[in-house]
N, C-alpha and C. Protein backbone atom coordinates (compact mmCIF):
# COMPACT_ATOMS: atom_id res chain seq x y z
N MET A 1 89.64 29.01 14.25
CA MET A 1 88.22 29.63 14.82
C MET A 1 88.23 31.04 15.41
N LEU A 2 88.39 32.27 14.14
CA LEU A 2 87.61 33.26 14.82
C LEU A 2 87.16 33.50 16.35
N PHE A 3 87.46 34.09 16.62
CA PHE A 3 86.07 34.59 18.09
C PHE A 3 87.37 35.21 18.82
N PRO A 4 87.03 36.70 19.68
CA PRO A 4 87.62 37.66 20.90
C PRO A 4 88.78 36.74 21.67
N LYS A 5 89.56 37.43 21.55
CA LYS A 5 90.45 37.53 22.55
C LYS A 5 90.07 37.79 23.98
N ARG A 6 89.42 39.08 24.08
CA ARG A 6 88.98 39.11 25.74
C ARG A 6 87.64 40.13 25.38
N PRO A 7 86.38 39.49 25.66
CA PRO A 7 85.49 40.16 25.44
C PRO A 7 85.15 40.86 26.63
N LYS A 8 84.69 41.70 26.75
CA LYS A 8 84.53 42.60 27.40
C LYS A 8 83.70 42.19 28.52
N TYR A 9 81.69 41.89 27.99
CA TYR A 9 80.91 40.99 29.05
C TYR A 9 81.32 39.51 27.27
N ARG A 10 80.65 38.41 28.70
CA ARG A 10 80.26 37.09 28.19
C ARG A 10 79.33 37.21 27.62
N LYS A 11 78.47 37.17 27.63
CA LYS A 11 76.94 37.06 27.23
C LYS A 11 76.70 38.39 27.28
N TRP A 12 75.66 38.68 25.91
CA TRP A 12 75.63 39.38 25.43
C TRP A 12 73.72 39.70 25.49
N GLN A 13 72.72 40.74 25.23
CA GLN A 13 71.69 40.84 26.27
C GLN A 13 71.07 40.53 24.10
N ASN A 14 70.26 40.33 24.69
CA ASN A 14 69.58 39.33 23.60
C ASN A 14 68.71 40.79 22.19
N ASP A 15 69.03 41.69 20.82
CA ASP A 15 69.12 42.58 20.50
C ASP A 15 66.75 43.03 20.40
N ARG A 16 66.53 43.76 20.53
CA ARG A 16 65.29 44.24 19.92
C ARG A 16 65.16 45.22 18.96
N LYS A 17 65.46 45.40 18.03
CA LYS A 17 65.76 45.21 16.75
C LYS A 17 64.06 44.96 15.76
N HIS A 18 63.81 45.53 15.38
CA HIS A 18 62.37 45.59 14.50
C HIS A 18 62.77 44.56 13.34
N PRO A 19 62.89 43.38 12.60
CA PRO A 19 62.64 43.03 11.39
C PRO A 19 62.83 43.39 10.15
N THR A 20 62.56 44.36 10.54
CA THR A 20 62.49 45.55 9.05
C THR A 20 64.51 46.04 8.78
N LYS A 21 63.98 47.00 10.70
CA LYS A 21 65.85 47.31 9.88
C LYS A 21 66.78 46.44 10.25
N LEU A 22 66.39 45.11 10.30
CA LEU A 22 67.70 44.04 10.20
C LEU A 22 68.37 44.32 8.30
N LEU A 23 66.73 44.27 7.93
CA LEU A 23 67.06 43.87 6.10
C LEU A 23 67.53 45.09 5.80
N ALA A 24 68.25 46.28 6.50
CA ALA A 24 68.61 47.25 5.83
C ALA A 24 69.33 47.81 5.36
N LEU A 25 69.93 48.26 3.68
CA LEU A 25 71.38 48.06 3.44
C LEU A 25 72.51 48.40 4.81
N ASP A 26 73.17 47.79 5.07
CA ASP A 26 74.28 48.69 5.75
C ASP A 26 75.10 49.62 4.63
N THR A 27 75.61 50.33 5.94
CA THR A 27 76.07 51.53 5.50
C THR A 27 77.54 51.94 5.72
N ARG A 28 78.51 50.57 6.26
CA ARG A 28 79.69 50.21 6.45
C ARG A 28 80.15 48.57 5.72
N GLY A 29 81.59 49.41 5.18
CA GLY A 29 81.85 48.00 5.07
C GLY A 29 81.17 47.75 3.03
N ILE A 30 80.74 49.03 2.52
CA ILE A 30 80.69 48.47 1.87
C ILE A 30 80.89 48.77 -0.43
N THR A 31 81.83 48.51 0.00
CA THR A 31 83.14 49.21 -1.27
C THR A 31 83.77 47.85 -1.00
N VAL A 32 84.70 47.94 -2.33
CA VAL A 32 85.75 47.26 -2.73
C VAL A 32 86.43 47.40 -1.93
N ALA A 33 87.92 47.87 -1.31
CA ALA A 33 88.80 48.43 -0.52
C ALA A 33 89.85 48.37 -0.92
N PHE A 34 90.23 47.28 -0.43
CA PHE A 34 91.78 46.46 -0.58
C PHE A 34 92.19 45.24 -1.93
N GLY A 35 91.54 44.60 -2.13
CA GLY A 35 91.06 43.39 -3.74
C GLY A 35 90.42 44.16 -4.64
N SER A 36 91.21 43.16 -5.56
CA SER A 36 90.47 43.38 -6.84
C SER A 36 88.71 43.62 -7.06
N PHE A 37 88.37 42.06 -6.23
CA PHE A 37 87.46 41.08 -6.08
C PHE A 37 86.65 40.86 -4.91
N GLY A 38 85.93 41.10 -4.65
CA GLY A 38 85.19 41.05 -3.65
C GLY A 38 83.82 39.84 -3.38
N LEU A 39 82.86 40.06 -2.14
CA LEU A 39 81.83 38.98 -2.22
C LEU A 39 81.24 40.02 -1.43
N LYS A 40 80.26 40.24 -1.63
CA LYS A 40 79.42 41.24 -0.67
C LYS A 40 77.67 40.51 -0.75
N ALA A 41 77.32 40.93 1.04
CA ALA A 41 75.98 40.31 1.14
C ALA A 41 74.75 40.74 0.18
N ALA A 42 74.02 39.80 -0.13
CA ALA A 42 72.66 40.47 -0.82
C ALA A 42 72.10 40.76 -0.09
N SER A 43 71.33 39.71 1.03
CA SER A 43 70.42 39.48 2.12
C SER A 43 71.66 40.15 3.81
N GLY A 44 70.54 39.22 4.59
CA GLY A 44 71.06 40.14 6.26
C GLY A 44 71.14 38.16 7.05
N GLY A 45 71.14 37.95 7.66
CA GLY A 45 71.53 37.41 9.32
C GLY A 45 72.93 36.89 9.60
N ARG A 46 72.97 35.94 10.26
CA ARG A 46 74.04 35.80 11.10
C ARG A 46 74.70 34.49 10.34
N ILE A 47 76.68 34.89 10.46
CA ILE A 47 77.56 34.37 9.96
C ILE A 47 78.42 33.44 11.37
N THR A 48 78.24 32.42 11.39
CA THR A 48 78.57 31.44 12.56
C THR A 48 80.66 31.73 12.13
N ALA A 49 81.30 31.74 13.04
CA ALA A 49 82.49 31.46 12.50
C ALA A 49 82.89 30.25 12.10
N ASN A 50 82.28 28.80 12.10
CA ASN A 50 82.48 27.71 11.23
C ASN A 50 82.32 28.40 10.26
N GLN A 51 81.42 29.05 9.79
CA GLN A 51 81.44 29.56 8.60
C GLN A 51 82.01 30.18 7.27
N ILE A 52 82.52 31.61 8.55
CA ILE A 52 83.91 32.04 7.98
C ILE A 52 84.82 31.31 7.28
N GLU A 53 85.20 30.74 8.27
CA GLU A 53 86.65 30.19 8.54
C GLU A 53 86.32 29.04 7.41
N SER A 54 85.46 28.13 7.37
CA SER A 54 84.89 27.57 6.08
C SER A 54 85.10 27.50 4.37
N ALA A 55 84.38 29.29 4.23
CA ALA A 55 84.99 30.55 3.25
C ALA A 55 85.71 30.30 3.01
N ARG A 56 85.99 30.45 3.60
CA ARG A 56 88.41 31.06 4.11
C ARG A 56 88.26 30.01 3.44
N LYS A 57 88.76 28.22 3.30
CA LYS A 57 89.69 28.10 3.46
C LYS A 57 89.52 27.52 1.37
N VAL A 58 88.41 27.49 1.85
CA VAL A 58 87.76 27.71 0.35
C VAL A 58 88.37 28.26 -0.59
N VAL A 59 88.75 29.39 -0.88
CA VAL A 59 89.72 30.86 -1.46
C VAL A 59 90.67 30.27 -1.05
N SER A 60 91.10 30.37 0.52
CA SER A 60 92.67 30.08 0.39
C SER A 60 93.13 29.02 -0.73
N ARG A 61 92.51 28.38 -0.87
CA ARG A 61 93.01 26.84 -1.23
C ARG A 61 93.02 26.98 -3.57
N SER A 62 91.73 28.31 -3.59
CA SER A 62 92.12 28.10 -4.87
C SER A 62 93.28 29.70 -5.37
N LEU A 63 93.43 30.32 -4.27
CA LEU A 63 94.29 31.77 -4.78
C LEU A 63 95.61 30.43 -4.88
N GLY A 64 96.10 30.04 -3.80
CA GLY A 64 97.54 29.17 -4.64
C GLY A 64 98.69 30.73 -4.02
N LYS A 65 99.56 29.97 -4.28
CA LYS A 65 100.88 31.44 -3.34
C LYS A 65 100.85 32.71 -3.84
N ASN A 66 99.54 33.36 -5.18
CA ASN A 66 100.16 34.54 -6.35
C ASN A 66 98.98 35.25 -5.42
N GLY A 67 98.31 35.10 -5.42
CA GLY A 67 96.87 35.59 -4.25
C GLY A 67 97.04 36.20 -2.79
N LYS A 68 96.45 36.92 -2.81
CA LYS A 68 96.00 37.71 -1.56
C LYS A 68 94.53 37.68 -1.32
N MET A 69 94.06 37.90 0.16
CA MET A 69 92.40 37.37 0.69
C MET A 69 92.51 38.46 1.34
N TRP A 70 92.13 38.97 2.23
CA TRP A 70 91.21 39.98 3.45
C TRP A 70 89.69 39.66 3.76
N THR A 71 89.75 39.11 5.40
CA THR A 71 88.29 38.96 5.25
C THR A 71 87.95 40.37 6.15
N ARG A 72 86.76 40.87 6.02
CA ARG A 72 86.16 42.18 6.05
C ARG A 72 85.18 42.49 7.07
N ILE A 73 84.85 40.67 7.80
CA ILE A 73 84.08 39.89 9.37
C ILE A 73 85.54 39.59 9.88
N PHE A 74 83.72 40.18 11.26
CA PHE A 74 84.47 39.29 12.75
C PHE A 74 83.05 38.39 13.22
N PRO A 75 83.30 37.41 13.48
CA PRO A 75 82.71 37.16 14.46
C PRO A 75 82.44 37.73 16.67
N ASP A 76 81.95 38.52 16.69
CA ASP A 76 82.24 38.85 18.14
C ASP A 76 80.81 39.09 19.28
N ARG A 77 80.04 38.87 17.66
CA ARG A 77 78.76 38.72 19.00
C ARG A 77 77.94 37.18 19.62
N PRO A 78 78.64 37.10 21.05
CA PRO A 78 78.22 35.47 21.16
C PRO A 78 76.89 35.25 21.45
N ARG A 79 76.76 34.04 21.32
CA ARG A 79 75.64 33.68 20.75
C ARG A 79 75.01 32.12 21.87
N THR A 80 74.36 32.54 22.87
CA THR A 80 73.65 31.13 24.03
C THR A 80 72.49 30.93 23.40
N ILE A 81 73.11 29.48 24.20
CA ILE A 81 71.91 28.80 23.77
C ILE A 81 71.72 28.13 25.27
N LYS A 82 70.64 27.23 26.13
CA LYS A 82 70.23 26.49 27.06
C LYS A 82 70.07 24.97 26.36
N ALA A 83 70.25 24.00 27.40
CA ALA A 83 70.52 22.88 27.64
C ALA A 83 68.62 22.18 27.25
N ALA A 84 68.59 21.08 26.48
CA ALA A 84 67.89 20.86 26.52
C ALA A 84 67.00 20.42 27.48
N GLU A 85 64.85 20.43 28.08
CA GLU A 85 64.58 20.52 28.46
C GLU A 85 64.93 21.03 30.00
N THR A 86 65.36 22.13 30.06
CA THR A 86 66.10 22.86 30.71
C THR A 86 64.77 23.28 31.94
N PRO A 87 64.31 24.42 32.49
CA PRO A 87 63.09 24.74 33.65
C PRO A 87 63.31 26.17 32.88
N MET A 88 61.92 27.12 32.78
CA MET A 88 62.47 28.28 32.97
C MET A 88 63.00 29.09 34.43
N GLY A 89 63.45 29.84 34.14
CA GLY A 89 64.38 30.40 35.35
C GLY A 89 65.75 30.02 35.43
N SER A 90 65.85 29.42 34.86
CA SER A 90 67.24 28.74 35.45
C SER A 90 68.36 29.47 35.27
N GLY A 91 68.02 31.13 34.13
CA GLY A 91 69.25 31.95 33.90
C GLY A 91 69.37 31.97 32.76
N LYS A 92 70.17 32.23 32.53
CA LYS A 92 70.77 32.55 30.79
C LYS A 92 71.79 31.79 30.38
N GLY A 93 71.29 30.82 28.69
CA GLY A 93 71.96 29.73 28.77
C GLY A 93 74.11 29.85 28.31
N GLU A 94 74.37 28.75 28.24
CA GLU A 94 75.09 28.56 27.96
C GLU A 94 76.37 29.01 26.95
N LEU A 95 77.45 29.40 26.75
CA LEU A 95 78.12 29.96 25.79
C LEU A 95 78.34 28.59 24.16
N LYS A 96 77.75 29.25 23.36
CA LYS A 96 77.43 28.24 22.48
C LYS A 96 78.64 28.59 20.72
N ASP A 97 79.03 29.63 20.46
CA ASP A 97 79.62 30.16 19.65
C ASP A 97 79.19 31.92 19.60
N TYR A 98 79.88 32.31 18.53
CA TYR A 98 80.32 33.87 18.44
C TYR A 98 79.61 33.71 16.67
N VAL A 99 78.93 35.04 16.74
CA VAL A 99 78.36 35.10 15.25
C VAL A 99 78.99 36.74 14.85
N PHE A 100 79.13 36.90 13.42
CA PHE A 100 78.41 37.92 13.05
C PHE A 100 77.22 38.92 12.29
N GLU A 101 76.65 39.91 12.92
CA GLU A 101 75.74 40.19 12.13
C GLU A 101 75.55 40.61 10.76
N VAL A 102 75.36 40.41 9.43
CA VAL A 102 75.42 40.70 8.33
C VAL A 102 73.42 41.30 8.11
N ARG A 103 74.13 42.52 7.52
CA ARG A 103 73.09 42.85 6.30
C ARG A 103 73.45 43.76 5.78
N PRO A 104 72.39 43.30 4.55
CA PRO A 104 72.60 43.04 2.92
C PRO A 104 73.64 44.60 2.39
N GLY A 105 74.34 44.58 1.40
CA GLY A 105 75.22 45.63 1.36
C GLY A 105 76.79 45.53 1.60
N ARG A 106 77.22 44.28 2.85
CA ARG A 106 78.36 44.01 3.13
C ARG A 106 79.39 43.11 2.19
N VAL A 107 80.71 44.01 1.74
CA VAL A 107 81.41 43.01 1.63
C VAL A 107 82.25 42.29 3.20
N LEU A 108 82.16 40.82 2.90
CA LEU A 108 82.48 39.90 2.87
C LEU A 108 84.00 39.68 3.23
N PHE A 109 84.73 39.10 1.65
CA PHE A 109 85.63 39.51 1.60
C PHE A 109 86.32 39.20 0.52
N GLU A 110 87.71 39.89 0.12
CA GLU A 110 87.72 40.41 -1.21
C GLU A 110 89.33 39.75 -1.23
N ILE A 111 89.93 39.59 -2.68
CA ILE A 111 90.78 39.09 -3.63
C ILE A 111 91.10 40.02 -4.20
N ASP A 112 93.08 39.71 -4.07
CA ASP A 112 93.85 40.12 -5.43
C ASP A 112 95.25 39.31 -5.99
N GLY A 113 95.46 39.59 -6.96
CA GLY A 113 95.95 38.79 -7.75
C GLY A 113 96.07 38.03 -8.65
N ILE A 114 95.10 37.89 -8.61
CA ILE A 114 94.75 36.15 -9.57
C ILE A 114 93.76 36.46 -10.86
N THR A 115 93.09 36.16 -11.94
CA THR A 115 92.66 36.63 -13.19
C THR A 115 91.49 36.07 -12.15
N GLU A 116 90.35 37.25 -13.06
CA GLU A 116 89.01 37.15 -12.88
C GLU A 116 88.58 35.48 -12.90
N PRO A 117 88.13 34.95 -13.83
CA PRO A 117 86.97 33.82 -13.86
C PRO A 117 87.91 32.71 -12.46
N VAL A 118 89.07 33.52 -12.69
CA VAL A 118 89.15 32.47 -11.07
C VAL A 118 88.99 32.91 -9.78
N ALA A 119 88.95 34.08 -9.83
CA ALA A 119 88.77 35.26 -8.48
C ALA A 119 87.04 34.43 -7.97
N ARG A 120 85.90 34.64 -8.87
CA ARG A 120 85.03 34.45 -9.66
C ARG A 120 84.81 33.58 -9.15
N GLU A 121 85.46 32.69 -9.40
CA GLU A 121 84.54 31.06 -9.15
C GLU A 121 85.31 30.23 -7.90
N ALA A 122 86.30 31.12 -7.20
CA ALA A 122 86.45 31.19 -6.20
C ALA A 122 85.58 32.05 -4.86
N LEU A 123 85.45 33.04 -5.25
CA LEU A 123 83.97 33.98 -5.46
C LEU A 123 82.70 32.58 -4.81
N VAL A 124 82.58 32.22 -5.52
CA VAL A 124 81.25 31.96 -6.09
C VAL A 124 81.22 30.34 -5.27
N LYS A 125 82.30 29.60 -4.88
CA LYS A 125 82.70 28.40 -4.15
C LYS A 125 82.60 28.52 -2.78
N ALA A 126 83.29 29.56 -2.28
CA ALA A 126 82.51 30.53 -1.43
C ALA A 126 81.63 30.78 -0.41
N GLY A 127 80.81 31.29 -1.37
CA GLY A 127 79.40 31.85 -1.37
C GLY A 127 78.84 31.43 -0.38
N LYS A 128 78.14 29.77 -1.42
CA LYS A 128 77.49 28.22 -1.52
C LYS A 128 78.12 27.82 0.35
N LYS A 129 78.72 28.31 0.95
CA LYS A 129 79.26 27.92 2.37
C LYS A 129 78.63 28.57 3.96
N LEU A 130 77.67 30.22 3.29
CA LEU A 130 77.50 30.69 4.50
C LEU A 130 75.86 30.75 4.04
N PRO A 131 75.46 31.14 4.99
CA PRO A 131 73.73 31.71 4.69
C PRO A 131 73.18 32.87 4.24
N VAL A 132 73.42 33.31 3.75
CA VAL A 132 73.64 34.50 3.42
C VAL A 132 73.51 34.49 1.00
N LYS A 133 72.77 35.15 1.14
CA LYS A 133 72.35 35.52 -0.52
C LYS A 133 74.19 35.81 -0.88
N VAL A 134 74.61 35.93 -1.78
CA VAL A 134 75.95 36.23 -2.05
C VAL A 134 75.53 37.21 -3.41
N ARG A 135 76.45 38.05 -3.67
CA ARG A 135 76.94 38.39 -5.64
C ARG A 135 78.83 38.82 -5.11
N VAL A 136 78.97 38.38 -6.19
CA VAL A 136 80.73 38.77 -6.92
C VAL A 136 80.52 40.34 -6.85
N VAL A 137 81.31 41.03 -6.61
CA VAL A 137 81.14 42.53 -6.77
C VAL A 137 83.45 42.87 -7.38
N ALA A 138 83.84 43.23 -8.61
CA ALA A 138 84.79 43.66 -8.66
C ALA A 138 84.95 45.20 -8.73
N ARG A 139 86.39 45.81 -7.89
CA ARG A 139 86.52 46.97 -8.04
C ARG A 139 86.02 48.26 -8.62
């Protein structure tokens, strides 16, 4: 599972962004840079480290020994949760997991070294493991 080796801060403050700004198109990581085919986010959301790992496993099984894969996202944002029935004023909750905030247009995975039908099938399967809408793009 992915998580930072040494985070600077164990718990982050909550974002106070307007909801429409979270749905704005991403400006970084929007092109297929390494491989021939990519999985691009069509909607925004938060992807956990477990979901990234699950999608990665699906793609790597389809690739075999010939293909190569790149993961273009990394979950560096800590998410906290308070225990059930905890009274107010007892501080911030404990660390639950790490997430990556995805905005529309971001390339999540890239693959190369396999034929187009196999690549599309593998990326579609991986997209079903993620909580955001995705589409397969070619270079």
